[in-house]
Amino acid sequence: MNFEGFKTTEDGRGVVVEMAMPPLLRGHFFAKLYARGEMNDAARGDPGAVWRTLSAEYGETPLVAPHQVHGTRIIEAGEAVALPLRPEADALHIAPSSSAFASLRFADCAPVVIAGRAEEPWMYILHSGFKGTLQNISAAVLQNAAERYRSFSPRGVWAWVCPAIGAECYSRRREDPSAAEAVEKFSAENFREDGEFFRFDIKREIARQIADFGVPRGNIFIYDCCTSCRRDYFYSYRAGDGEKRLFLLAGKAKSAGKV
């Protein structure tokens, strides 16, 4: 199961979805989503347990694994906030000088990777579920990049919207205040009425938000698969997977550092 901008494989630990970096970023960063498999089954959402399995492969580098709160706070992928610390955040910034890897966990919310090149290459990973998308965490990340890098241009940005629950499986009741807010904020093409419910296409709304910041549509890749429908590949909280989580890992590529 492959989509443009992604490569899906399986190994002894389970399913792995890798972001295909464009030439300008290749050799600088990597981003991989470790999906359903023995490793994440056993870890049950504990990033420390996952890292005990993976860290030797990645040079025993420290790992930042924030406590995710469905907000828009951005932190640095630095050793000062690495495990066992769990600062609250839903996005991480990665630079060539970063001293740690970055990670986030998911089970229906959308993993998003946004990267580009200005004075230096840069990358962010973010957690954009329904609440994060309502708050437009993608725009918050892009604004952070624009303020951080003098030569930032949205035309030199790439984005990957990874597997998340689809509109066919994600709904909110009409009387839910957050549903009314989403109907006001989401593009009309990214929600529909269904009796007592509204159904929301979170992945495509994220892609629209990124495009609205000026990122070319051709630079935005969507893994067009529903986590609730494809539980052979992914975990879904709504479909009953409980504490099990997908694990997004990103950082400096092996050829760009000592990893």
C-alpha atoms as a PDB file:
ATOM      1  CA  MET A   1       0.000   0.000   0.000  1.00  0.00           C
ATOM      2  CA  ASN A   2       1.889   3.056  -1.267  1.00  0.00           C
ATOM      3  CA  PHE A   3       0.985   6.676  -1.888  1.00  0.00           C
ATOM      4  CA  GLU A   4       3.023   9.436  -3.516  1.00  0.00           C
ATOM      5  CA  GLY A   5       5.547  10.844  -1.058  1.00  0.00           C
ATOM      6  CA  PHE A   6       5.542   7.745   1.142  1.00  0.00           C
ATOM      7  CA  LYS A   7       7.091   4.285   1.197  1.00  0.00           C
ATOM      8  CA  THR A   8       5.341   1.502   3.146  1.00  0.00           C
ATOM      9  CA  THR A   9       7.248  -1.608   4.206  1.00  0.00           C
ATOM     10  CA  GLU A  10       7.119  -4.320   6.869  1.00  0.00           C
ATOM     11  CA  ASP A  11       9.866  -5.755   9.046  1.00  0.00           C
ATOM     12  CA  GLY A  12      10.025  -7.910  12.155  1.00  0.00           C
ATOM     13  CA  ARG A  13       8.677  -5.073  14.305  1.00  0.00           C
ATOM     14  CA  GLY A  14       5.678  -4.313  12.101  1.00  0.00           C
ATOM     15  CA  VAL A  15       4.508  -1.895   9.422  1.00  0.00           C
ATOM     16  CA  VAL A  16       6.712   1.154   8.702  1.00  0.00           C
ATOM     17  CA  VAL A  17       5.676   4.221   6.675  1.00  0.00           C
ATOM     18  CA  GLU A  18       8.626   6.373   5.589  1.00  0.00           C
ATOM     19  CA  MET A  19       8.399   9.921   4.249  1.00  0.00           C
ATOM     20  CA  ALA A  20      10.228  10.242   0.908  1.00  0.00           C
ATOM     21  CA  MET A  21      12.426  13.328   1.239  1.00  0.00           C
ATOM     22  CA  PRO A  22      12.839  15.652  -1.778  1.00  0.00           C
ATOM     23  CA  PRO A  23      16.396  16.133  -3.126  1.00  0.00           C
ATOM     24  CA  LEU A  24      16.956  19.367  -1.144  1.00  0.00           C
ATOM     25  CA  LEU A  25      16.310  17.550   2.155  1.00  0.00           C
ATOM     26  CA  ARG A  26      17.600  14.087   1.339  1.00  0.00           C
ATOM     27  CA  GLY A  27      20.584  13.243   3.515  1.00  0.00           C
ATOM     28  CA  HIS A  28      19.584  15.844   6.115  1.00  0.00           C
ATOM     29  CA  PHE A  29      16.461  14.431   7.788  1.00  0.00           C
ATOM     30  CA  PHE A  30      14.328  11.320   8.003  1.00  0.00           C
ATOM     31  CA  ALA A  31      10.796  10.701   9.269  1.00  0.00           C
ATOM     32  CA  LYS A  32       9.272   7.260   9.851  1.00  0.00           C
ATOM     33  CA  LEU A  33       5.904   6.183  11.212  1.00  0.00           C
ATOM     34  CA  TYR A  34       6.144   2.847  13.003  1.00  0.00           C
ATOM     35  CA  ALA A  35       2.648   1.391  12.692  1.00  0.00           C
ATOM     36  CA  ARG A  36       0.918  -1.841  13.749  1.00  0.00           C
ATOM     37  CA  GLY A  37       3.203  -4.649  14.818  1.00  0.00           C
ATOM     38  CA  GLU A  38       4.780  -6.538  17.683  1.00  0.00           C
ATOM     39  CA  MET A  39       6.844  -3.585  18.920  1.00  0.00           C
ATOM     40  CA  ASN A  40       3.939  -1.173  19.326  1.00  0.00           C
ATOM     41  CA  ASP A  41       1.591  -3.916  20.521  1.00  0.00           C
ATOM     42  CA  ALA A  42       3.965  -4.559  23.422  1.00  0.00           C
ATOM     43  CA  ALA A  43       4.719  -0.880  24.119  1.00  0.00           C
ATOM     44  CA  ARG A  44       1.030   0.079  24.512  1.00  0.00           C
ATOM     45  CA  GLY A  45       1.758   3.732  23.798  1.00  0.00           C
ATOM     46  CA  ASP A  46       4.819   4.047  26.050  1.00  0.00           C
ATOM     47  CA  PRO A  47       7.516   5.930  24.089  1.00  0.00           C
ATOM     48  CA  GLY A  48      10.195   4.739  26.491  1.00  0.00           C
ATOM     49  CA  ALA A  49       9.352   1.123  25.715  1.00  0.00           C
ATOM     50  CA  VAL A  50       9.511   1.796  21.977  1.00  0.00           C
ATOM     51  CA  TRP A  51      12.863   3.557  22.340  1.00  0.00           C
ATOM     52  CA  ARG A  52      14.324   0.673  24.313  1.00  0.00           C
ATOM     53  CA  THR A  53      13.665  -1.425  21.217  1.00  0.00           C
ATOM     54  CA  LEU A  54      14.866   1.106  18.626  1.00  0.00           C
ATOM     55  CA  SER A  55      17.573   3.190  20.296  1.00  0.00           C
ATOM     56  CA  ALA A  56      20.517   0.933  19.436  1.00  0.00           C
ATOM     57  CA  GLU A  57      19.593   1.213  15.758  1.00  0.00           C
ATOM     58  CA  TYR A  58      19.706   5.007  16.098  1.00  0.00           C
ATOM     59  CA  GLY A  59      22.984   5.349  17.967  1.00  0.00           C
ATOM     60  CA  GLU A  60      21.502   5.560  21.482  1.00  0.00           C
ATOM     61  CA  THR A  61      20.574   9.183  20.746  1.00  0.00           C
ATOM     62  CA  PRO A  62      18.264  10.854  23.326  1.00  0.00           C
ATOM     63  CA  LEU A  63      14.558  10.953  22.431  1.00  0.00           C
ATOM     64  CA  VAL A  64      12.078  13.773  22.989  1.00  0.00           C
ATOM     65  CA  ALA A  65       8.585  12.357  23.565  1.00  0.00           C
ATOM     66  CA  PRO A  66       6.247  15.083  24.832  1.00  0.00           C
ATOM     67  CA  HIS A  67       2.976  14.620  26.639  1.00  0.00           C
ATOM     68  CA  GLN A  68       0.478  15.488  23.900  1.00  0.00           C
ATOM     69  CA  VAL A  69      -2.419  17.739  24.940  1.00  0.00           C
ATOM     70  CA  HIS A  70      -4.172  18.599  21.637  1.00  0.00           C
ATOM     71  CA  GLY A  71      -2.714  22.095  21.632  1.00  0.00           C
ATOM     72  CA  THR A  72      -0.302  24.109  19.485  1.00  0.00           C
ATOM     73  CA  ARG A  73       2.818  24.362  21.660  1.00  0.00           C
ATOM     74  CA  ILE A  74       6.113  23.772  19.818  1.00  0.00           C
ATOM     75  CA  ILE A  75       9.299  22.593  21.554  1.00  0.00           C
ATOM     76  CA  GLU A  76      12.840  21.867  20.404  1.00  0.00           C
ATOM     77  CA  ALA A  77      14.140  18.358  19.765  1.00  0.00           C
ATOM     78  CA  GLY A  78      16.891  18.806  22.328  1.00  0.00           C
ATOM     79  CA  GLU A  79      18.561  16.683  24.967  1.00  0.00           C
ATOM     80  CA  ALA A  80      17.418  19.093  27.720  1.00  0.00           C
ATOM     81  CA  VAL A  81      13.792  17.910  27.337  1.00  0.00           C
ATOM     82  CA  ALA A  82      14.456  14.289  26.368  1.00  0.00           C
ATOM     83  CA  LEU A  83      13.110  11.211  28.162  1.00  0.00           C
ATOM     84  CA  PRO A  84      12.463  10.664  31.006  1.00  0.00           C
ATOM     85  CA  LEU A  85      11.096  14.233  30.877  1.00  0.00           C
ATOM     86  CA  ARG A  86       7.674  14.592  29.233  1.00  0.00           C
ATOM     87  CA  PRO A  87       6.983  18.297  28.589  1.00  0.00           C
ATOM     88  CA  GLU A  88       3.582  19.220  27.202  1.00  0.00           C
ATOM     89  CA  ALA A  89       3.663  19.902  23.451  1.00  0.00           C
ATOM     90  CA  ASP A  90       2.113  18.814  20.167  1.00  0.00           C
ATOM     91  CA  ALA A  91       4.867  19.848  17.752  1.00  0.00           C
ATOM     92  CA  LEU A  92       8.649  19.587  17.677  1.00  0.00           C
ATOM     93  CA  HIS A  93      11.251  21.559  15.732  1.00  0.00           C
ATOM     94  CA  ILE A  94      14.294  19.736  14.331  1.00  0.00           C
ATOM     95  CA  ALA A  95      17.440  21.451  13.015  1.00  0.00           C
ATOM     96  CA  PRO A  96      20.822  20.162  11.813  1.00  0.00           C
ATOM     97  CA  SER A  97      22.153  21.032  15.284  1.00  0.00           C
ATOM     98  CA  SER A  98      19.421  19.152  17.189  1.00  0.00           C
ATOM     99  CA  SER A  99      20.817  16.951  19.956  1.00  0.00           C
ATOM    100  CA  ALA A 100      17.900  14.506  20.132  1.00  0.00           C
ATOM    101  CA  PHE A 101      15.374  12.719  17.983  1.00  0.00           C
ATOM    102  CA  ALA A 102      11.722  13.801  17.978  1.00  0.00           C
ATOM    103  CA  SER A 103       8.696  11.564  18.450  1.00  0.00           C
ATOM    104  CA  LEU A 104       4.903  11.686  18.742  1.00  0.00           C
ATOM    105  CA  ARG A 105       2.169   9.045  19.135  1.00  0.00           C
ATOM    106  CA  PHE A 106      -1.154   8.561  17.348  1.00  0.00           C
ATOM    107  CA  ALA A 107      -4.266   6.400  17.126  1.00  0.00           C
ATOM    108  CA  ASP A 108      -6.643   8.219  14.688  1.00  0.00           C
ATOM    109  CA  CYS A 109      -5.226  11.765  14.909  1.00  0.00           C
ATOM    110  CA  ALA A 110      -3.070  12.829  11.977  1.00  0.00           C
ATOM    111  CA  PRO A 111       0.727  12.681  12.138  1.00  0.00           C
ATOM    112  CA  VAL A 112       2.079  15.574  10.067  1.00  0.00           C
ATOM    113  CA  VAL A 113       5.632  16.288   8.925  1.00  0.00           C
ATOM    114  CA  ILE A 114       6.522  19.731   7.535  1.00  0.00           C
ATOM    115  CA  ALA A 115      10.026  20.464   6.266  1.00  0.00           C
ATOM    116  CA  GLY A 116      11.925  22.927   4.134  1.00  0.00           C
ATOM    117  CA  ARG A 117      15.193  24.668   3.500  1.00  0.00           C
ATOM    118  CA  ALA A 118      16.114  28.287   4.211  1.00  0.00           C
ATOM    119  CA  GLU A 119      19.500  29.336   5.652  1.00  0.00           C
ATOM    120  CA  GLU A 120      19.609  25.700   6.724  1.00  0.00           C
ATOM    121  CA  PRO A 121      17.301  22.707   6.348  1.00  0.00           C
ATOM    122  CA  TRP A 122      14.568  22.375   8.977  1.00  0.00           C
ATOM    123  CA  MET A 123      11.767  20.013   9.948  1.00  0.00           C
ATOM    124  CA  TYR A 124       8.772  19.920  12.284  1.00  0.00           C
ATOM    125  CA  ILE A 125       6.600  17.004  13.315  1.00  0.00           C
ATOM    126  CA  LEU A 126       3.130  17.656  14.695  1.00  0.00           C
ATOM    127  CA  HIS A 127       0.036  16.044  16.166  1.00  0.00           C
ATOM    128  CA  SER A 128      -3.090  17.339  14.416  1.00  0.00           C
ATOM    129  CA  GLY A 129      -6.261  15.591  15.511  1.00  0.00           C
ATOM    130  CA  PHE A 130      -9.693  17.169  15.325  1.00  0.00           C
ATOM    131  CA  LYS A 131      -8.838  19.687  18.080  1.00  0.00           C
ATOM    132  CA  GLY A 132      -5.403  20.461  16.700  1.00  0.00           C
ATOM    133  CA  THR A 133      -6.855  20.973  13.241  1.00  0.00           C
ATOM    134  CA  LEU A 134      -9.506  23.319  14.662  1.00  0.00           C
ATOM    135  CA  GLN A 135      -6.656  25.334  16.187  1.00  0.00           C
ATOM    136  CA  ASN A 136      -4.684  25.088  12.908  1.00  0.00           C
ATOM    137  CA  ILE A 137      -1.485  23.760  14.419  1.00  0.00           C
ATOM    138  CA  SER A 138      -0.091  23.456  10.879  1.00  0.00           C
ATOM    139  CA  ALA A 139      -0.282  27.225  10.377  1.00  0.00           C
ATOM    140  CA  ALA A 140       1.253  27.742  13.835  1.00  0.00           C
ATOM    141  CA  VAL A 141       4.216  25.596  12.808  1.00  0.00           C
ATOM    142  CA  LEU A 142       4.639  27.365   9.471  1.00  0.00           C
ATOM    143  CA  GLN A 143       4.463  30.761  11.179  1.00  0.00           C
ATOM    144  CA  ASN A 144       7.121  29.582  13.634  1.00  0.00           C
ATOM    145  CA  ALA A 145       9.350  28.602  10.712  1.00  0.00           C
ATOM    146  CA  ALA A 146       8.732  31.945   8.986  1.00  0.00           C
ATOM    147  CA  GLU A 147       9.767  33.831  12.139  1.00  0.00           C
ATOM    148  CA  ARG A 148      12.766  31.589  12.791  1.00  0.00           C
ATOM    149  CA  TYR A 149      14.302  31.572   9.281  1.00  0.00           C
ATOM    150  CA  ARG A 150      14.946  34.862   7.468  1.00  0.00           C
ATOM    151  CA  SER A 151      14.903  33.290   4.001  1.00  0.00           C
ATOM    152  CA  PHE A 152      11.783  31.191   4.644  1.00  0.00           C
ATOM    153  CA  SER A 153       9.505  30.798   1.635  1.00  0.00           C
ATOM    154  CA  PRO A 154       6.369  28.620   1.629  1.00  0.00           C
ATOM    155  CA  ARG A 155       7.225  27.620  -1.924  1.00  0.00           C
ATOM    156  CA  GLY A 156      10.260  25.808  -0.539  1.00  0.00           C
ATOM    157  CA  VAL A 157       8.232  23.740   1.926  1.00  0.00           C
ATOM    158  CA  TRP A 158       7.066  20.117   1.747  1.00  0.00           C
ATOM    159  CA  ALA A 159       4.424  18.459   3.922  1.00  0.00           C
ATOM    160  CA  TRP A 160       3.308  14.897   4.595  1.00  0.00           C
ATOM    161  CA  VAL A 161      -0.128  14.193   6.094  1.00  0.00           C
ATOM    162  CA  CYS A 162       0.141  10.643   7.378  1.00  0.00           C
ATOM    163  CA  PRO A 163      -2.516   7.956   8.023  1.00  0.00           C
ATOM    164  CA  ALA A 164      -5.432   9.134  10.170  1.00  0.00           C
ATOM    165  CA  ILE A 165      -9.100   8.379  10.616  1.00  0.00           C
ATOM    166  CA  GLY A 166     -11.177   9.181   7.528  1.00  0.00           C
ATOM    167  CA  ALA A 167     -14.461  11.011   7.110  1.00  0.00           C
ATOM    168  CA  GLU A 168     -16.216   7.677   6.631  1.00  0.00           C
ATOM    169  CA  CYS A 169     -15.398   6.827  10.269  1.00  0.00           C
ATOM    170  CA  TYR A 170     -15.117  10.202  12.029  1.00  0.00           C
ATOM    171  CA  SER A 171     -18.239  12.093  13.045  1.00  0.00           C
ATOM    172  CA  ARG A 172     -19.442  14.582  15.647  1.00  0.00           C
ATOM    173  CA  ARG A 173     -23.012  15.157  16.775  1.00  0.00           C
ATOM    174  CA  ARG A 174     -24.690  18.317  15.532  1.00  0.00           C
ATOM    175  CA  GLU A 175     -25.176  19.588  19.100  1.00  0.00           C
ATOM    176  CA  ASP A 176     -21.459  19.273  19.871  1.00  0.00           C
ATOM    177  CA  PRO A 177     -20.117  22.870  20.060  1.00  0.00           C
ATOM    178  CA  SER A 178     -16.842  21.767  18.484  1.00  0.00           C
ATOM    179  CA  ALA A 179     -18.759  20.414  15.480  1.00  0.00           C
ATOM    180  CA  ALA A 180     -20.382  23.810  14.973  1.00  0.00           C
ATOM    181  CA  GLU A 181     -16.962  25.459  15.230  1.00  0.00           C
ATOM    182  CA  ALA A 182     -15.543  23.046  12.658  1.00  0.00           C
ATOM    183  CA  VAL A 183     -18.399  23.714  10.241  1.00  0.00           C
ATOM    184  CA  GLU A 184     -17.458  27.410  10.449  1.00  0.00           C
ATOM    185  CA  LYS A 185     -13.721  26.856  10.040  1.00  0.00           C
ATOM    186  CA  PHE A 186     -13.350  23.823   7.752  1.00  0.00           C
ATOM    187  CA  SER A 187     -13.576  24.096   3.997  1.00  0.00           C
ATOM    188  CA  ALA A 188     -17.047  23.011   2.834  1.00  0.00           C
ATOM    189  CA  GLU A 189     -15.492  20.190   0.824  1.00  0.00           C
ATOM    190  CA  ASN A 190     -14.002  18.678   3.988  1.00  0.00           C
ATOM    191  CA  PHE A 191     -17.196  17.939   5.918  1.00  0.00           C
ATOM    192  CA  ARG A 192     -20.689  16.680   5.162  1.00  0.00           C
ATOM    193  CA  GLU A 193     -23.997  16.266   6.954  1.00  0.00           C
ATOM    194  CA  ASP A 194     -25.105  12.764   7.871  1.00  0.00           C
ATOM    195  CA  GLY A 195     -28.377  12.772   9.794  1.00  0.00           C
ATOM    196  CA  GLU A 196     -27.666  13.780  13.406  1.00  0.00           C
ATOM    197  CA  PHE A 197     -23.945  14.022  12.667  1.00  0.00           C
ATOM    198  CA  PHE A 198     -21.326  15.922  10.708  1.00  0.00           C
ATOM    199  CA  ARG A 199     -18.520  13.868   9.168  1.00  0.00           C
ATOM    200  CA  PHE A 200     -15.090  15.496   8.895  1.00  0.00           C
ATOM    201  CA  ASP A 201     -12.159  14.816   6.571  1.00  0.00           C
ATOM    202  CA  ILE A 202      -9.323  15.819   8.875  1.00  0.00           C
ATOM    203  CA  LYS A 203      -6.466  14.871   6.536  1.00  0.00           C
ATOM    204  CA  ARG A 204      -7.722  16.997   3.658  1.00  0.00           C
ATOM    205  CA  GLU A 205      -8.510  19.914   5.934  1.00  0.00           C
ATOM    206  CA  ILE A 206      -4.913  19.826   7.179  1.00  0.00           C
ATOM    207  CA  ALA A 207      -3.690  19.802   3.572  1.00  0.00           C
ATOM    208  CA  ARG A 208      -5.907  22.820   2.823  1.00  0.00           C
ATOM    209  CA  GLN A 209      -4.566  24.704   5.839  1.00  0.00           C
ATOM    210  CA  ILE A 210      -0.999  24.092   4.692  1.00  0.00           C
ATOM    211  CA  ALA A 211      -1.831  25.144   1.122  1.00  0.00           C
ATOM    212  CA  ASP A 212      -3.535  28.295   2.416  1.00  0.00           C
ATOM    213  CA  PHE A 213      -0.182  29.311   3.920  1.00  0.00           C
ATOM    214  CA  GLY A 214       1.270  29.293   0.397  1.00  0.00           C
ATOM    215  CA  VAL A 215       2.788  25.814   0.208  1.00  0.00           C
ATOM    216  CA  PRO A 216       2.341  24.445  -3.344  1.00  0.00           C
ATOM    217  CA  ARG A 217      -0.282  21.708  -3.598  1.00  0.00           C
ATOM    218  CA  GLY A 218       2.244  19.551  -5.415  1.00  0.00           C
ATOM    219  CA  ASN A 219       4.464  19.637  -2.319  1.00  0.00           C
ATOM    220  CA  ILE A 220       1.729  18.300  -0.007  1.00  0.00           C
ATOM    221  CA  PHE A 221       1.396  14.518   0.217  1.00  0.00           C
ATOM    222  CA  ILE A 222      -1.564  12.691   1.776  1.00  0.00           C
ATOM    223  CA  TYR A 223      -1.499   9.056   2.873  1.00  0.00           C
ATOM    224  CA  ASP A 224      -5.097   8.481   1.835  1.00  0.00           C
ATOM    225  CA  CYS A 225      -5.945   5.645   4.201  1.00  0.00           C
ATOM    226  CA  CYS A 226      -8.313   5.465   7.180  1.00  0.00           C
ATOM    227  CA  THR A 227      -6.767   4.115  10.376  1.00  0.00           C
ATOM    228  CA  SER A 228     -10.129   2.778  11.536  1.00  0.00           C
ATOM    229  CA  CYS A 229     -10.761   0.909   8.268  1.00  0.00           C
ATOM    230  CA  ARG A 230      -7.223  -0.494   7.910  1.00  0.00           C
ATOM    231  CA  ARG A 231      -6.470  -1.914  11.335  1.00  0.00           C
ATOM    232  CA  ASP A 232      -4.300  -4.532   9.656  1.00  0.00           C
ATOM    233  CA  TYR A 233      -1.797  -1.686   9.169  1.00  0.00           C
ATOM    234  CA  PHE A 234      -2.651   0.917  11.812  1.00  0.00           C
ATOM    235  CA  TYR A 235      -4.136   1.490  15.282  1.00  0.00           C
ATOM    236  CA  SER A 236      -7.478   3.173  15.873  1.00  0.00           C
ATOM    237  CA  TYR A 237      -8.669   4.353  19.275  1.00  0.00           C
ATOM    238  CA  ARG A 238     -12.221   4.692  17.984  1.00  0.00           C
ATOM    239  CA  ALA A 239     -12.147   1.139  16.645  1.00  0.00           C
ATOM    240  CA  GLY A 240     -11.049  -0.311  19.976  1.00  0.00           C
ATOM    241  CA  ASP A 241      -7.241  -0.363  20.042  1.00  0.00           C
ATOM    242  CA  GLY A 242      -7.120   1.198  23.495  1.00  0.00           C
ATOM    243  CA  GLU A 243      -3.641   2.339  24.543  1.00  0.00           C
ATOM    244  CA  LYS A 244      -1.792   1.113  21.441  1.00  0.00           C
ATOM    245  CA  ARG A 245      -0.273   3.883  19.337  1.00  0.00           C
ATOM    246  CA  LEU A 246       1.527   4.587  16.079  1.00  0.00           C
ATOM    247  CA  PHE A 247       5.007   5.997  16.744  1.00  0.00           C
ATOM    248  CA  LEU A 248       6.340   8.857  14.600  1.00  0.00           C
ATOM    249  CA  LEU A 249      10.120   9.248  14.757  1.00  0.00           C
ATOM    250  CA  ALA A 250      12.116  11.993  13.027  1.00  0.00           C
ATOM    251  CA  GLY A 251      15.536  13.558  13.158  1.00  0.00           C
ATOM    252  CA  LYS A 252      18.862  14.009  11.439  1.00  0.00           C
ATOM    253  CA  ALA A 253      19.569  11.451   8.738  1.00  0.00           C
ATOM    254  CA  LYS A 254      22.425   9.001   9.263  1.00  0.00           C
ATOM    255  CA  SER A 255      24.539  10.623   6.575  1.00  0.00           C
ATOM    256  CA  ALA A 256      24.094  14.056   8.182  1.00  0.00           C
ATOM    257  CA  GLY A 257      25.290  13.169  11.684  1.00  0.00           C
ATOM    258  CA  LYS A 258      26.629  10.425  13.893  1.00  0.00           C
ATOM    259  CA  VAL A 259      23.422   8.372  13.957  1.00  0.00           C
END
